Amino acid sequence: MTRTVVALALCVSVAAPAAAQVVSPRVNFQQAVADHATRLAAIQTPTSSAAPPPKPDTSGSTLTSKDKTIYGISLAAAAFGTIFNIIETRDALDHHLKAKTFPLVWQDTSDPADKGKVTATIAGTNGGLMVVSYLLLRNGKAPLGSFLNFIIGGATTAVSIHDHSIISDAK
């Protein structure tokens, strides 16, 4: 019963305004909008020459030749360390010695069948980090990108020297 009363009340409350619209004269909304626009245009005053928009600050994103040179040296160091690590790791696995990968994915293995997996891990991880360093360079953070490359180069070279000493001791 309560639902019926509520539904009937809603229908009556909606029907009354709808009936009032039918009886009242038609409102010309296009004319009302045009009149209001004309009034607003008359109120506005023309402004004097506006100042040009400010130029974007590019001081942090411009790369100097010094930044590019340091980044190039760091990238070469990272590539050298990665290649040296791959060579030494593959040589250690050829001699059935325990080899380590670096940096983010530490793998210890002595199985020569794992050479491809270990090489892919080293190249993929270090290559991904070098891509991150390039993105840092392009975003105006050249020192951070160079630092990341030097870390990659130094760490992989240190691990490779350790692997090389183990190979030399085993021979």
Protein backbone atom coordinates (compact mmCIF):
# COMPACT_ATOMS: atom_id res chain seq x y z
CA MET A 1 0.00 0.00 0.00
CA THR A 2 2.83 2.40 0.87
CA ARG A 3 4.46 1.83 -2.51
CA THR A 4 1.26 2.70 -4.30
CA VAL A 5 0.87 5.99 -2.40
CA VAL A 6 4.50 6.96 -3.05
CA ALA A 7 4.21 6.13 -6.76
CA LEU A 8 0.98 8.12 -7.04
CA ALA A 9 2.57 11.11 -5.26
CA LEU A 10 5.53 11.07 -7.63
CA CYS A 11 3.27 10.93 -10.68
CA VAL A 12 1.22 13.89 -9.45
CA SER A 13 4.32 15.94 -8.62
CA VAL A 14 5.70 15.39 -12.12
CA ALA A 15 2.37 15.86 -13.91
CA ALA A 16 1.68 19.31 -12.45
CA PRO A 17 4.81 20.99 -13.91
CA ALA A 18 4.30 19.16 -17.21
CA ALA A 19 0.74 20.49 -17.45
CA ALA A 20 1.92 24.00 -16.63
CA GLN A 21 4.34 23.92 -19.56
CA VAL A 22 1.57 23.07 -21.96
CA VAL A 23 -0.58 26.01 -20.82
CA SER A 24 2.21 28.63 -20.74
CA PRO A 25 3.38 30.34 -23.94
CA ARG A 26 6.44 28.95 -25.72
CA VAL A 27 9.80 30.31 -24.61
CA ASN A 28 12.24 31.17 -27.38
CA PHE A 29 15.57 29.96 -25.97
CA GLN A 30 17.54 30.94 -29.05
CA GLN A 31 16.49 34.56 -28.71
CA ALA A 32 17.20 34.56 -24.97
CA VAL A 33 20.70 33.21 -25.49
CA ALA A 34 21.40 35.73 -28.27
CA ASP A 35 20.20 38.64 -26.09
CA HIS A 36 22.34 37.49 -23.17
CA ALA A 37 25.40 37.14 -25.42
CA THR A 38 24.88 40.67 -26.76
CA ARG A 39 24.68 42.06 -23.20
CA LEU A 40 27.88 40.24 -22.17
CA ALA A 41 29.74 41.49 -25.24
CA ALA A 42 28.78 45.09 -24.43
CA ILE A 43 30.07 44.73 -20.87
CA GLN A 44 33.47 43.41 -21.85
CA THR A 45 36.13 45.98 -22.59
CA PRO A 46 38.93 45.30 -25.03
CA THR A 47 42.21 44.59 -23.28
CA SER A 48 45.48 46.18 -24.20
CA SER A 49 48.06 44.00 -25.90
CA ALA A 50 48.44 40.88 -23.86
CA ALA A 51 51.86 39.81 -22.72
CA PRO A 52 53.33 36.92 -24.68
CA PRO A 53 53.21 33.57 -22.93
CA PRO A 54 56.31 32.80 -20.88
CA LYS A 55 58.94 30.74 -22.61
CA PRO A 56 59.39 27.25 -21.19
CA ASP A 57 62.41 26.79 -18.97
CA THR A 58 64.74 24.51 -20.87
CA SER A 59 67.82 25.10 -18.76
CA GLY A 60 67.48 21.71 -17.03
CA SER A 61 66.87 19.72 -20.20
CA THR A 62 69.63 21.05 -22.46
CA LEU A 63 72.61 18.80 -22.80
CA THR A 64 76.06 20.27 -22.94
CA SER A 65 78.91 18.66 -24.81
CA LYS A 66 80.47 17.84 -21.44
CA ASP A 67 77.34 15.91 -20.39
CA LYS A 68 77.31 14.03 -23.69
CA THR A 69 81.01 13.18 -23.44
CA ILE A 70 80.75 11.90 -19.89
CA TYR A 71 77.65 9.90 -20.77
CA GLY A 72 79.41 8.40 -23.81
CA ILE A 73 82.38 7.34 -21.68
CA SER A 74 80.08 5.85 -19.05
CA LEU A 75 78.09 4.00 -21.72
CA ALA A 76 81.32 2.56 -23.13
CA ALA A 77 82.33 1.46 -19.62
CA ALA A 78 78.97 -0.23 -19.09
CA ALA A 79 79.17 -1.99 -22.45
CA PHE A 80 82.76 -3.09 -21.77
CA GLY A 81 81.83 -4.44 -18.33
CA THR A 82 78.83 -6.29 -19.75
CA ILE A 83 80.82 -7.88 -22.58
CA PHE A 84 83.70 -8.76 -20.25
CA ASN A 85 81.27 -10.34 -17.81
CA ILE A 86 79.65 -12.42 -20.58
CA ILE A 87 83.02 -13.63 -21.88
CA GLU A 88 84.35 -14.57 -18.44
CA THR A 89 81.12 -16.23 -17.37
CA ARG A 90 80.98 -18.35 -20.52
CA ASP A 91 84.66 -19.29 -20.07
CA ALA A 92 84.04 -20.31 -16.45
CA LEU A 93 81.09 -22.45 -17.49
CA ASP A 94 83.19 -24.12 -20.18
CA HIS A 95 85.54 -25.25 -17.38
CA HIS A 96 82.62 -26.40 -15.17
CA LEU A 97 83.43 -23.67 -12.66
CA LYS A 98 80.93 -21.68 -10.67
CA ALA A 99 80.09 -18.36 -12.33
CA LYS A 100 78.06 -15.39 -11.14
CA THR A 101 75.98 -12.87 -13.03
CA PHE A 102 75.42 -9.27 -12.04
CA PRO A 103 73.77 -6.88 -11.10
CA LEU A 104 70.06 -7.26 -10.45
CA VAL A 105 69.76 -10.98 -11.08
CA TRP A 106 72.34 -12.99 -9.23
CA GLN A 107 72.72 -16.47 -10.68
CA ASP A 108 75.27 -19.03 -9.53
CA THR A 109 75.75 -21.94 -11.87
CA SER A 110 78.46 -24.33 -13.02
CA ASP A 111 76.52 -26.17 -15.73
CA PRO A 112 77.84 -25.45 -19.28
CA ALA A 113 74.33 -26.01 -20.61
CA ASP A 114 73.26 -22.80 -18.85
CA LYS A 115 75.59 -20.59 -20.96
CA GLY A 116 72.77 -19.25 -23.14
CA LYS A 117 70.50 -18.51 -20.19
CA VAL A 118 73.28 -16.79 -18.24
CA THR A 119 74.36 -14.76 -21.28
CA ALA A 120 70.78 -13.66 -21.91
CA THR A 121 70.35 -12.70 -18.25
CA ILE A 122 73.52 -10.59 -18.24
CA ALA A 123 72.82 -8.92 -21.58
CA GLY A 124 69.13 -8.34 -20.86
CA THR A 125 69.55 -6.95 -17.37
CA ASN A 126 72.50 -4.71 -18.16
CA GLY A 127 70.97 -3.64 -21.48
CA GLY A 128 67.76 -2.71 -19.68
CA LEU A 129 69.70 -0.64 -17.17
CA MET A 130 71.54 1.11 -20.01
CA VAL A 131 68.17 1.97 -21.58
CA VAL A 132 67.09 3.45 -18.24
CA SER A 133 70.28 5.52 -18.18
CA TYR A 134 69.50 6.78 -21.70
CA LEU A 135 66.00 7.79 -20.61
CA LEU A 136 67.53 9.67 -17.69
CA LEU A 137 69.85 11.43 -20.12
CA ARG A 138 66.95 12.44 -22.39
CA ASN A 139 64.96 13.76 -19.39
CA GLY A 140 67.77 16.13 -18.43
CA LYS A 141 69.29 13.98 -15.70
CA ALA A 142 72.58 13.26 -17.49
CA PRO A 143 74.68 12.95 -14.30
CA LEU A 144 72.33 10.30 -12.92
CA GLY A 145 72.35 8.38 -16.22
CA SER A 146 76.14 8.51 -16.35
CA PHE A 147 76.37 7.37 -12.74
CA LEU A 148 74.13 4.39 -13.47
CA ASN A 149 76.32 3.40 -16.41
CA PHE A 150 79.49 3.68 -14.30
CA ILE A 151 77.87 1.46 -11.65
CA ILE A 152 77.01 -1.14 -14.30
CA GLY A 153 80.49 -1.02 -15.78
CA GLY A 154 82.29 -1.13 -12.44
CA ALA A 155 80.19 -3.85 -10.87
CA THR A 156 80.22 -6.16 -13.88
CA THR A 157 83.96 -5.67 -14.32
CA ALA A 158 84.57 -6.48 -10.66
CA VAL A 159 82.50 -9.67 -10.90
CA SER A 160 84.29 -10.58 -14.14
CA ILE A 161 87.73 -10.08 -12.59
CA HIS A 162 86.65 -12.38 -9.76
CA ASP A 163 85.49 -14.98 -12.29
CA HIS A 164 88.76 -14.56 -14.22
CA SER A 165 90.82 -15.21 -11.08
CA ILE A 166 88.83 -18.38 -10.37
CA ILE A 167 89.42 -19.58 -13.95
CA SER A 168 93.14 -18.80 -13.71
CA ASP A 169 93.44 -20.70 -10.42
CA ALA A 170 91.65 -23.71 -11.90
CA LYS A 171 93.97 -23.92 -14.93
